């Protein structure tokens, strides 16, 4: 919750990393520095009761500087005493007071008069230090920071020279045991190391939590989504809880899943349609083949005993073979259209001349089937369209043949009307057939759709005529639809694009 409120779920990862990087680098350093200062301050304050804050703090990190600072007050007091009342250095009461004051800071007082030690109450183990003490000299200000000796132990020595009233000379030495001070420094170093470890562990925990929340957890969600897809579950979306790059990946993943699901659904639907198509084709092809076989067997068995009967058998065989050939051609054409391999040869066509030629070719066949056709052109005679004449003729033929097949009137009628539709031409082909149920109208251009399967089986055909027409019209950049009234008739309407030059 802290990171969400601080960084926000909609902030880009790159910006989050930049905002997080600087605190992740600087925070440990600042914490270590701050806590180290507190540790040094605490240890030194407890050990020597001194204030080690401010600009002088770093001077106290050096044991020599610290010890010098600690004894400075006593040293200056003794220098002043040496100048005003030097005989005090023979007063054991005064010397004992000074020694007690120095003892609190791990220091002792040693006083020599001439070459004889007149006061030393420090550790007797360190009596050898006398050999390393500097000799008397006149000026107390010559030595400001003391001297360091390493035998018998590590000591810092501050020297105060004095001259008695009787003319005898001596020196008072402040001996500071550096080993005693070092134990506090060792404790401080251990404390700092501990703080460094704690801070680094804390920083690592924070960074790990950040990486887990920003990267690992979202990737785990995506991984769960991938596992769902691997198991075949395409229904579950990956939750999008953020608007950064991870959210964009999740959104893209869901879009991919939707497309995969749609593709699979379409493939399954296509396979089901192909199965139905094969079943229908098998049935539709079997009908004329069975009839042909029957009539051929009749001829072979001598059933056709008269020339008239033989002629009727042969004509029937020819008619069935012709229907079979038409069905095979229709299947071949649809196969090419469905796989987008049919070649189109687009050219400029005069619409009026083209339709008149088509009607002339169809009129004789329609009259034989007791159908009449009428043509009405409400567009300029010189209007041109860009189309493939062969494929456009197939559209018109398929629609008219479909109208003929489903006409149940004693006298069939087909009207072709061409109208201007702004930048397009609208072609209407109307019949007076049996019509189509309103609920079936949206489906009549789907392949294999049959509004009445039993009736269609009797009439023959693959049921692909209008599906082929739709595909060709759409390849020409047009649209196709239908209007119908049951037992009254049907109007198939499609549009063509007008030549741009017009």
Protein backbone atom coordinates (compact mmCIF):
# COMPACT_ATOMS: atom_id res chain seq x y z
CA UNK A 1 0.00 0.00 0.00
CA UNK A 2 2.89 2.38 0.75
CA UNK A 3 4.46 2.00 -2.68
CA UNK A 4 1.10 2.24 -4.43
CA UNK A 5 0.30 5.51 -2.68
CA UNK A 6 3.82 6.85 -3.22
CA UNK A 7 4.45 5.85 -6.84
CA UNK A 8 0.94 5.17 -8.14
CA UNK A 9 -0.21 2.30 -10.38
CA UNK A 10 -0.41 4.47 -13.49
CA UNK A 11 3.20 5.74 -13.35
CA UNK A 12 5.49 4.36 -16.03
CA UNK A 13 8.07 1.82 -14.90
CA UNK A 14 10.96 3.85 -16.30
CA UNK A 15 9.95 6.84 -14.16
CA UNK A 16 9.41 4.61 -11.14
CA UNK A 17 12.91 3.18 -11.53
CA UNK A 18 14.41 6.67 -11.75
CA UNK A 19 12.50 7.87 -8.68
CA UNK A 20 13.40 4.72 -6.77
CA UNK A 21 17.06 4.57 -7.81
CA UNK A 22 18.26 7.73 -6.09
CA UNK A 23 16.67 7.01 -2.68
CA UNK A 24 17.87 3.40 -2.94
CA UNK A 25 21.45 4.67 -3.38
CA UNK A 26 21.40 7.69 -1.05
CA UNK A 27 19.19 6.37 1.76
CA UNK A 28 21.60 3.65 2.96
CA UNK A 29 24.51 6.10 2.91
CA UNK A 30 22.59 8.74 4.88
CA UNK A 31 21.25 6.21 7.36
CA UNK A 32 24.70 4.73 7.95
CA UNK A 33 26.21 8.20 8.40
CA UNK A 34 23.47 9.37 10.77
CA UNK A 35 23.48 6.23 12.88
CA UNK A 36 27.29 6.20 12.99
CA UNK A 37 27.29 9.78 14.30
CA UNK A 38 24.75 8.81 16.95
CA UNK A 39 26.81 5.78 17.96
CA UNK A 40 30.05 7.79 18.25
CA UNK A 41 28.27 10.52 20.12
CA UNK A 42 26.64 8.05 22.48
CA UNK A 43 29.81 6.09 23.26
CA UNK A 44 32.00 9.14 23.75
CA UNK A 45 29.39 10.92 25.80
CA UNK A 46 28.96 7.89 28.05
CA UNK A 47 32.68 7.26 28.32
CA UNK A 48 33.96 10.79 28.87
CA UNK A 49 30.89 12.96 29.41
CA UNK A 50 31.84 15.36 26.59
CA UNK A 51 29.82 16.96 23.83
CA UNK A 52 31.10 15.72 20.46
CA UNK A 53 28.56 17.45 18.20
CA UNK A 54 29.18 20.24 15.73
CA UNK A 55 32.17 20.87 13.48
CA UNK A 56 34.57 19.28 15.97
CA UNK A 57 32.93 15.86 15.68
CA UNK A 58 35.34 14.41 13.13
CA UNK A 59 38.33 15.47 15.30
CA UNK A 60 37.04 13.10 17.96
CA UNK A 61 37.19 10.15 15.59
CA UNK A 62 40.99 10.22 16.10
CA UNK A 63 41.91 8.81 19.56
CA UNK A 64 44.89 11.17 19.88
CA UNK A 65 42.78 14.23 19.04
CA UNK A 66 40.08 13.06 21.39
CA UNK A 67 42.48 12.43 24.26
CA UNK A 68 44.16 15.76 23.70
CA UNK A 69 40.82 17.51 23.84
CA UNK A 70 39.79 15.64 26.97
CA UNK A 71 42.86 16.63 28.98
CA UNK A 72 43.07 20.16 27.56
CA UNK A 73 41.19 21.77 30.43
CA UNK A 74 43.33 20.09 33.09
CA UNK A 75 46.46 20.88 31.10
CA UNK A 76 45.68 24.60 30.84
CA UNK A 77 44.78 24.71 34.54
CA UNK A 78 48.16 23.23 35.44
CA UNK A 79 50.00 25.60 33.07
CA UNK A 80 48.34 28.55 34.77
CA UNK A 81 49.20 27.09 38.19
CA UNK A 82 52.83 26.63 37.13
CA UNK A 83 53.07 30.29 36.22
CA UNK A 84 51.28 31.71 39.29
CA UNK A 85 51.75 29.22 42.14
CA UNK A 86 54.42 26.65 41.17
CA UNK A 87 54.80 25.48 44.78
CA UNK A 88 51.37 23.80 44.47
CA UNK A 89 53.11 20.97 42.60
CA UNK A 90 54.62 19.87 45.88
CA UNK A 91 51.18 19.88 47.57
CA UNK A 92 49.87 16.29 47.51
CA UNK A 93 46.32 17.47 48.18
CA UNK A 94 46.31 19.56 45.02
CA UNK A 95 48.03 16.81 43.04
CA UNK A 96 45.54 14.20 44.26
CA UNK A 97 42.60 16.38 43.23
CA UNK A 98 44.05 16.78 39.74
CA UNK A 99 44.79 13.06 39.54
CA UNK A 100 41.22 12.16 40.48
CA UNK A 101 39.90 14.49 37.81
CA UNK A 102 42.15 12.89 35.19
CA UNK A 103 41.26 9.38 36.27
CA UNK A 104 37.72 9.80 34.85
CA UNK A 105 39.20 10.15 31.39
CA UNK A 106 41.69 7.25 31.64
CA UNK A 107 44.63 9.54 32.47
CA UNK A 108 47.04 9.89 35.40
CA UNK A 109 49.32 12.51 36.85
CA UNK A 110 53.05 12.01 37.34
CA UNK A 111 55.21 14.78 38.89
CA UNK A 112 59.00 14.93 38.91
CA UNK A 113 61.09 17.39 40.89
CA UNK A 114 64.49 17.39 39.37
CA UNK A 115 65.15 13.74 38.53
CA UNK A 116 63.03 12.35 41.35
CA UNK A 117 59.37 11.26 41.01
CA UNK A 118 57.50 12.95 43.84
CA UNK A 119 53.98 11.90 42.78
CA UNK A 120 52.74 8.80 40.91
CA UNK A 121 49.65 6.90 41.94
CA UNK A 122 48.91 5.33 38.60
CA UNK A 123 49.23 1.66 37.63
CA UNK A 124 52.59 0.37 38.89
CA UNK A 125 52.82 -1.87 35.80
CA UNK A 126 53.44 1.27 33.81
CA UNK A 127 56.31 2.54 35.98
CA UNK A 128 58.71 1.99 33.07
CA UNK A 129 57.10 5.01 31.42
CA UNK A 130 59.45 7.15 33.50
CA UNK A 131 62.29 6.29 31.15
CA UNK A 132 60.44 7.81 28.17
CA UNK A 133 59.35 11.07 29.80
CA UNK A 134 60.79 14.23 28.20
CA UNK A 135 63.09 16.36 30.32
CA UNK A 136 62.40 19.77 31.76
CA UNK A 137 62.49 22.86 29.54
CA UNK A 138 61.71 26.48 30.19
CA UNK A 139 58.68 27.16 27.94
CA UNK A 140 55.39 25.46 28.76
CA UNK A 141 53.93 26.52 25.40
CA UNK A 142 56.40 24.57 23.29
CA UNK A 143 54.34 21.40 23.48
CA UNK A 144 50.69 21.98 22.51
CA UNK A 145 49.45 18.57 21.45
CA UNK A 146 51.60 16.29 23.53
CA UNK A 147 53.82 13.45 22.45
CA UNK A 148 53.06 9.80 21.72
CA UNK A 149 55.04 6.87 23.16
CA UNK A 150 54.39 3.18 22.46
CA UNK A 151 56.30 1.64 25.36
CA UNK A 152 55.53 0.08 27.74
CA UNK A 153 52.01 0.80 26.38
CA UNK A 154 50.43 3.37 24.07
CA UNK A 155 50.42 6.68 25.92
CA UNK A 156 49.81 10.32 25.09
CA UNK A 157 51.97 12.60 27.26
CA UNK A 158 51.23 16.27 28.01
CA UNK A 159 54.04 18.05 29.93
CA UNK A 160 53.77 21.09 32.23
CA UNK A 161 57.11 22.54 33.42
CA UNK A 162 57.35 24.57 36.59
CA UNK A 163 60.02 26.34 38.63
CA UNK A 164 59.70 26.42 42.42
CA UNK A 165 60.26 29.57 44.47
CA UNK A 166 63.48 28.08 45.78
CA UNK A 167 64.75 27.77 42.20
CA UNK A 168 64.33 24.00 41.82
CA UNK A 169 62.68 22.82 38.58
CA UNK A 170 60.31 20.03 37.78
CA UNK A 171 57.69 18.75 35.37
CA UNK A 172 54.14 17.50 35.74
CA UNK A 173 53.07 14.91 33.17
CA UNK A 174 49.55 13.98 32.16
CA UNK A 175 49.72 10.36 30.97
CA UNK A 176 46.72 9.24 28.92
CA UNK A 177 46.26 5.51 28.36
CA UNK A 178 45.29 5.19 24.69
CA UNK A 179 44.55 1.49 25.05
CA UNK A 180 41.74 2.32 27.48
CA UNK A 181 40.29 4.77 24.95
CA UNK A 182 40.63 2.30 22.08
CA UNK A 183 38.14 -0.13 23.59
CA UNK A 184 35.45 2.51 23.11
CA UNK A 185 36.54 2.97 19.50
CA UNK A 186 36.40 -0.77 18.96
CA UNK A 187 32.87 -0.84 20.34
CA UNK A 188 31.98 2.06 18.10
CA UNK A 189 33.41 0.29 15.04
CA UNK A 190 31.48 -2.87 15.89
CA UNK A 191 28.36 -0.74 16.28
CA UNK A 192 28.93 0.91 12.90
CA UNK A 193 29.49 -2.47 11.22
CA UNK A 194 26.28 -3.72 12.81
CA UNK A 195 24.42 -0.64 11.60
CA UNK A 196 25.82 -1.08 8.08
CA UNK A 197 24.62 -4.69 8.02
CA UNK A 198 21.17 -3.76 9.34
CA UNK A 199 20.79 -0.86 6.90
CA UNK A 200 21.93 -2.97 3.95
CA UNK A 201 19.53 -5.74 4.94
CA UNK A 202 16.71 -3.22 5.27
CA UNK A 203 17.59 -1.64 1.91
CA UNK A 204 17.77 -5.06 0.29
CA UNK A 205 14.36 -5.92 1.76
CA UNK A 206 12.84 -2.70 0.41
CA UNK A 207 14.40 -3.16 -3.05
CA UNK A 208 13.36 -6.82 -3.14
CA UNK A 209 9.80 -5.88 -2.22
CA UNK A 210 9.78 -3.20 -4.90
CA UNK A 211 11.09 -5.58 -7.56
CA UNK A 212 8.65 -8.28 -6.50
CA UNK A 213 5.67 -5.94 -6.65
CA UNK A 214 6.67 -4.12 -9.83
CA UNK A 215 8.03 -7.05 -11.86
CA UNK A 216 7.73 -10.53 -10.36
CA UNK A 217 4.05 -10.46 -9.29
CA UNK A 218 2.77 -9.07 -12.64
CA UNK A 219 4.90 -11.59 -14.52
CA UNK A 220 3.47 -14.37 -12.37
CA UNK A 221 -0.03 -13.20 -13.31
CA UNK A 222 0.94 -13.26 -17.00
CA UNK A 223 2.50 -16.70 -16.51
CA UNK A 224 -0.77 -17.94 -14.99
CA UNK A 225 -2.58 -16.60 -18.06
CA UNK A 226 -0.17 -18.44 -20.35
CA UNK A 227 -0.72 -21.65 -18.39
CA UNK A 228 -4.47 -21.21 -18.80
CA UNK A 229 -4.02 -20.91 -22.57
CA UNK A 230 -1.73 -23.96 -22.61
CA UNK A 231 -4.48 -25.89 -20.82
CA UNK A 232 -6.98 -24.76 -23.47
CA UNK A 233 -8.84 -22.24 -21.29
CA UNK A 234 -9.34 -19.13 -23.43
CA UNK A 235 -12.18 -17.63 -21.39
CA UNK A 236 -10.23 -16.02 -18.56
CA UNK A 237 -8.69 -12.57 -18.99
CA UNK A 238 -5.51 -11.48 -17.23
CA UNK A 239 -6.55 -8.80 -14.69
CA UNK A 240 -5.32 -5.30 -15.56
CA UNK A 241 -4.63 -3.60 -12.23
CA UNK A 242 -2.11 -1.02 -13.43
CA UNK A 243 -1.69 1.46 -16.28
CA UNK A 244 2.11 1.24 -16.72
CA UNK A 245 4.08 -0.91 -19.17
CA UNK A 246 3.06 -4.07 -17.30
CA UNK A 247 -0.59 -3.05 -17.68
CA UNK A 248 -0.01 -2.47 -21.41
CA UNK A 249 1.52 -5.95 -21.70
CA UNK A 250 -1.48 -7.45 -19.85
CA UNK A 251 -3.87 -5.58 -22.15
CA UNK A 252 -1.97 -6.76 -25.23
CA UNK A 253 -1.99 -10.29 -23.81
CA UNK A 254 -5.78 -10.17 -23.42
CA UNK A 255 -6.15 -8.86 -26.97
CA UNK A 256 -3.94 -11.69 -28.19
CA UNK A 257 -6.03 -14.19 -26.23
CA UNK A 258 -9.22 -12.77 -27.74
CA UNK A 259 -7.77 -13.04 -31.23
CA UNK A 260 -6.55 -16.58 -30.61
CA UNK A 261 -9.99 -17.54 -29.25
CA UNK A 262 -11.70 -15.89 -32.23
CA UNK A 263 -9.32 -17.62 -34.63
CA UNK A 264 -9.93 -21.00 -33.02
CA UNK A 265 -13.71 -20.43 -32.99
CA UNK A 266 -13.63 -19.44 -36.65
CA UNK A 267 -11.50 -22.43 -37.52
CA UNK A 268 -13.87 -24.77 -35.68
CA UNK A 269 -16.85 -23.14 -37.37
CA UNK A 270 -15.12 -23.37 -40.74
CA UNK A 271 -14.32 -27.04 -40.16
CA UNK A 272 -17.93 -27.69 -39.16
CA UNK A 273 -19.16 -25.91 -42.27
CA UNK A 274 -16.77 -27.92 -44.40
CA UNK A 275 -18.08 -31.10 -42.81
CA UNK A 276 -21.64 -30.07 -43.59
CA UNK A 277 -20.57 -29.00 -47.10
CA UNK A 278 -18.99 -32.39 -47.79
CA UNK A 279 -22.09 -34.11 -46.45
CA UNK A 280 -24.39 -31.98 -48.61
CA UNK A 281 -22.19 -32.37 -51.68
CA UNK A 282 -22.17 -36.13 -51.23
CA UNK A 283 -25.93 -36.12 -51.02
CA UNK A 284 -26.43 -33.68 -53.91
CA UNK A 285 -24.04 -35.50 -56.20
CA UNK A 286 -25.53 -38.86 -55.35
CA UNK A 287 -29.01 -37.86 -56.59
CA UNK A 288 -28.15 -37.23 -60.29
CA UNK A 289 -25.63 -40.05 -60.34
CA UNK A 290 -28.26 -42.46 -59.03
CA UNK A 291 -30.71 -41.28 -61.67
CA UNK A 292 -28.10 -41.65 -64.44
CA UNK A 293 -27.25 -45.16 -63.27
CA UNK A 294 -30.91 -46.09 -63.17
CA UNK A 295 -31.65 -44.96 -66.71
CA UNK A 296 -28.43 -46.54 -68.05
CA UNK A 297 -29.37 -49.85 -66.40
CA UNK A 298 -32.82 -49.54 -67.96
CA UNK A 299 -31.29 -49.17 -71.39
CA UNK A 300 -28.91 -52.10 -70.74
CA UNK A 301 -31.77 -54.31 -69.54
CA UNK A 302 -33.84 -53.44 -72.59
CA UNK A 303 -36.53 -51.54 -70.70
CA UNK A 304 -36.52 -48.79 -73.37
CA UNK A 305 -38.26 -50.90 -76.04
CA UNK A 306 -39.36 -48.08 -78.32
CA UNK A 307 -37.38 -45.30 -80.03
CA UNK A 308 -39.45 -42.68 -78.15
CA UNK A 309 -38.64 -44.28 -74.78
CA UNK A 310 -34.95 -44.58 -75.69
CA UNK A 311 -34.90 -40.92 -76.72
CA UNK A 312 -36.54 -39.94 -73.40
CA UNK A 313 -34.01 -42.00 -71.41
CA UNK A 314 -31.05 -40.46 -73.24
CA UNK A 315 -32.40 -36.89 -72.79
CA UNK A 316 -32.92 -37.54 -69.08
CA UNK A 317 -29.39 -38.90 -68.74
CA UNK A 318 -28.06 -35.82 -70.53
CA UNK A 319 -30.08 -33.47 -68.31
CA UNK A 320 -28.82 -35.16 -65.13
CA UNK A 321 -25.22 -35.14 -66.40
CA UNK A 322 -25.56 -31.44 -67.26
CA UNK A 323 -26.87 -30.72 -63.73
CA UNK A 324 -23.99 -32.74 -62.30
CA UNK A 325 -21.50 -30.76 -64.39
CA UNK A 326 -23.06 -27.48 -63.21
CA UNK A 327 -22.76 -28.55 -59.59
CA UNK A 328 -19.11 -29.52 -60.03
CA UNK A 329 -18.36 -26.20 -61.74
CA UNK A 330 -20.10 -24.32 -58.93
CA UNK A 331 -18.04 -26.17 -56.33
CA UNK A 332 -14.84 -25.45 -58.25
CA UNK A 333 -15.65 -21.76 -58.50
CA UNK A 334 -16.53 -21.49 -54.81
CA UNK A 335 -13.31 -23.27 -53.85
CA UNK A 336 -11.32 -20.67 -55.79
CA UNK A 337 -13.31 -17.77 -54.36
CA UNK A 338 -13.06 -19.08 -50.81
CA UNK A 339 -9.26 -19.41 -51.10
CA UNK A 340 -8.93 -16.04 -52.87
CA UNK A 341 -7.29 -17.65 -55.89
CA UNK A 342 -9.89 -16.72 -58.50
CA UNK A 343 -8.42 -14.23 -61.02
CA UNK A 344 -10.22 -10.91 -61.55
CA UNK A 345 -9.90 -8.90 -64.74
CA UNK A 346 -11.34 -5.48 -63.92
CA UNK A 347 -12.21 -3.28 -66.86
CA UNK A 348 -14.46 -0.38 -67.73
CA UNK A 349 -17.96 -1.59 -68.66
CA UNK A 350 -20.92 0.24 -70.11
CA UNK A 351 -23.60 -0.86 -67.67
CA UNK A 352 -26.58 -0.65 -70.04
CA UNK A 353 -24.90 -2.62 -72.84
CA UNK A 354 -23.61 -5.24 -70.43
CA UNK A 355 -27.03 -5.96 -68.89
CA UNK A 356 -28.76 -6.07 -72.25
CA UNK A 357 -26.26 -8.67 -73.47
CA UNK A 358 -26.76 -10.77 -70.33
CA UNK A 359 -30.54 -10.65 -70.67
CA UNK A 360 -30.38 -11.64 -74.35
CA UNK A 361 -28.35 -14.73 -73.43
CA UNK A 362 -30.75 -15.74 -70.65
CA UNK A 363 -34.08 -14.97 -72.31
CA UNK A 364 -34.34 -18.17 -74.34
CA UNK A 365 -33.55 -20.45 -71.38
CA UNK A 366 -36.01 -18.56 -69.19
CA UNK A 367 -38.79 -18.84 -71.75
CA UNK A 368 -38.31 -22.62 -71.87
CA UNK A 369 -38.91 -22.65 -68.12
CA UNK A 370 -42.03 -20.49 -68.48
CA UNK A 371 -40.30 -17.40 -67.07
CA UNK A 372 -40.35 -13.87 -68.48
CA UNK A 373 -37.74 -11.17 -67.80
CA UNK A 374 -38.01 -7.38 -67.94
CA UNK A 375 -35.21 -4.78 -67.82
CA UNK A 376 -35.45 -1.17 -66.55
CA UNK A 377 -32.50 1.24 -66.54
CA UNK A 378 -33.04 4.50 -64.66
CA UNK A 379 -29.39 5.60 -65.08
CA UNK A 380 -27.79 7.44 -68.02
CA UNK A 381 -27.17 5.10 -70.95
CA UNK A 382 -23.50 6.07 -71.08
CA UNK A 383 -22.82 5.27 -67.39
CA UNK A 384 -19.74 3.06 -66.89
CA UNK A 385 -18.60 0.87 -64.00
CA UNK A 386 -15.30 -0.89 -63.29
CA UNK A 387 -15.91 -4.63 -63.01
CA UNK A 388 -14.85 -8.07 -64.16
CA UNK A 389 -17.45 -8.91 -66.85
CA UNK A 390 -17.14 -12.68 -66.43
CA UNK A 391 -17.56 -12.60 -62.64
CA UNK A 392 -20.30 -9.96 -62.73
CA UNK A 393 -22.20 -12.11 -65.24
CA UNK A 394 -21.85 -15.03 -62.82
CA UNK A 395 -23.48 -12.90 -60.08
CA UNK A 396 -26.46 -12.06 -62.28
CA UNK A 397 -26.80 -15.65 -63.51
CA UNK A 398 -26.64 -17.13 -60.00
CA UNK A 399 -29.31 -14.73 -58.70
CA UNK A 400 -31.64 -15.37 -61.66
CA UNK A 401 -31.14 -19.15 -61.57
CA UNK A 402 -31.87 -19.10 -57.86
CA UNK A 403 -35.08 -17.18 -58.58
CA UNK A 404 -36.04 -19.72 -61.26
CA UNK A 405 -35.34 -22.66 -58.93
CA UNK A 406 -37.57 -21.33 -56.16
CA UNK A 407 -40.43 -20.01 -58.30
CA UNK A 408 -43.73 -21.74 -57.59
CA UNK A 409 -45.98 -19.67 -59.86
CA UNK A 410 -47.56 -20.87 -63.11
CA UNK A 411 -45.96 -17.90 -64.88
CA UNK A 412 -42.71 -16.72 -63.42
CA UNK A 413 -41.49 -13.15 -63.72
CA UNK A 414 -38.12 -11.50 -63.17
CA UNK A 415 -37.58 -7.72 -63.19
CA UNK A 416 -34.10 -6.17 -63.38
CA UNK A 417 -33.85 -2.52 -62.37
CA UNK A 418 -30.76 -0.29 -62.35
CA UNK A 419 -30.86 2.85 -60.24
CA UNK A 420 -28.45 5.69 -59.43
CA UNK A 421 -27.29 5.56 -55.76
CA UNK A 422 -25.04 8.65 -55.39
CA UNK A 423 -21.47 7.41 -56.08
CA UNK A 424 -22.70 3.87 -56.74
CA UNK A 425 -25.10 1.98 -58.95
CA UNK A 426 -27.80 -0.15 -57.35
CA UNK A 427 -28.96 -3.27 -59.17
CA UNK A 428 -32.30 -4.84 -58.15
CA UNK A 429 -33.32 -8.32 -59.33
CA UNK A 430 -36.92 -9.07 -58.33
CA UNK A 431 -38.90 -12.31 -58.73
CA UNK A 432 -42.45 -13.40 -57.93
CA UNK A 433 -41.43 -16.69 -56.34
CA UNK A 434 -42.25 -18.35 -53.05
CA UNK A 435 -40.37 -15.74 -50.98
CA UNK A 436 -38.23 -16.19 -47.89
CA UNK A 437 -39.12 -16.15 -44.22
CA UNK A 438 -38.03 -12.88 -42.57
CA UNK A 439 -35.98 -14.74 -39.96
CA UNK A 440 -33.98 -16.43 -42.75
CA UNK A 441 -33.15 -13.26 -44.73
CA UNK A 442 -29.87 -12.43 -42.87
CA UNK A 443 -28.53 -15.93 -43.61
CA UNK A 444 -29.34 -16.56 -47.25
CA UNK A 445 -25.87 -15.42 -48.40
CA UNK A 446 -24.07 -17.76 -46.01
CA UNK A 447 -22.61 -20.82 -47.63
CA UNK A 448 -24.64 -23.99 -47.17
CA UNK A 449 -27.67 -22.14 -45.78
CA UNK A 450 -30.95 -23.67 -46.91
CA UNK A 451 -34.19 -22.20 -45.70
CA UNK A 452 -35.97 -25.46 -46.49
CA UNK A 453 -33.52 -28.36 -46.64
CA UNK A 454 -36.01 -30.94 -47.90
CA UNK A 455 -37.29 -28.69 -50.67
CA UNK A 456 -33.75 -27.74 -51.65
CA UNK A 457 -32.78 -31.36 -51.89
CA UNK A 458 -35.61 -31.99 -54.33
CA UNK A 459 -34.65 -28.99 -56.42
CA UNK A 460 -30.94 -29.91 -56.46
CA UNK A 461 -27.86 -27.69 -56.36
CA UNK A 462 -25.15 -27.05 -53.82
CA UNK A 463 -26.73 -24.02 -52.18
CA UNK A 464 -23.59 -21.96 -52.94
CA UNK A 465 -25.02 -19.66 -55.63
CA UNK A 466 -25.81 -16.66 -53.41
CA UNK A 467 -22.63 -17.19 -51.33
CA UNK A 468 -20.59 -16.97 -54.55
CA UNK A 469 -22.52 -13.86 -55.61
CA UNK A 470 -21.85 -12.16 -52.28
CA UNK A 471 -18.12 -12.89 -52.42
CA UNK A 472 -17.82 -11.51 -55.98
CA UNK A 473 -19.82 -8.35 -55.19
CA UNK A 474 -17.66 -7.65 -52.12
CA UNK A 475 -14.49 -8.11 -54.20
CA UNK A 476 -15.92 -5.39 -56.49
CA UNK A 477 -16.24 -3.06 -53.48
CA UNK A 478 -20.02 -3.36 -53.30
CA UNK A 479 -22.69 -4.68 -50.95
CA UNK A 480 -25.49 -7.20 -51.40
CA UNK A 481 -28.68 -7.79 -49.43
CA UNK A 482 -32.24 -9.04 -49.88
CA UNK A 483 -35.86 -8.10 -49.26
CA UNK A 484 -38.66 -10.64 -49.38
CA UNK A 485 -42.28 -11.37 -48.59
CA UNK A 486 -43.47 -14.90 -48.12
CA UNK A 487 -45.49 -16.21 -51.13
CA UNK A 488 -45.03 -12.85 -52.88
CA UNK A 489 -41.43 -12.73 -54.05
CA UNK A 490 -37.86 -11.70 -53.32
CA UNK A 491 -35.65 -8.76 -54.34
CA UNK A 492 -31.88 -9.27 -54.37
CA UNK A 493 -30.06 -5.90 -54.34
CA UNK A 494 -26.36 -5.25 -54.89
CA UNK A 495 -24.25 -2.16 -55.57
CA UNK A 496 -21.36 -1.43 -57.92
CA UNK A 497 -18.91 1.45 -57.86
CA UNK A 498 -19.15 4.01 -60.65
CA UNK A 499 -16.03 4.65 -62.73
CA UNK A 500 -14.06 7.46 -61.02
CA UNK A 501 -13.73 9.41 -64.29
CA UNK A 502 -17.48 9.87 -64.27
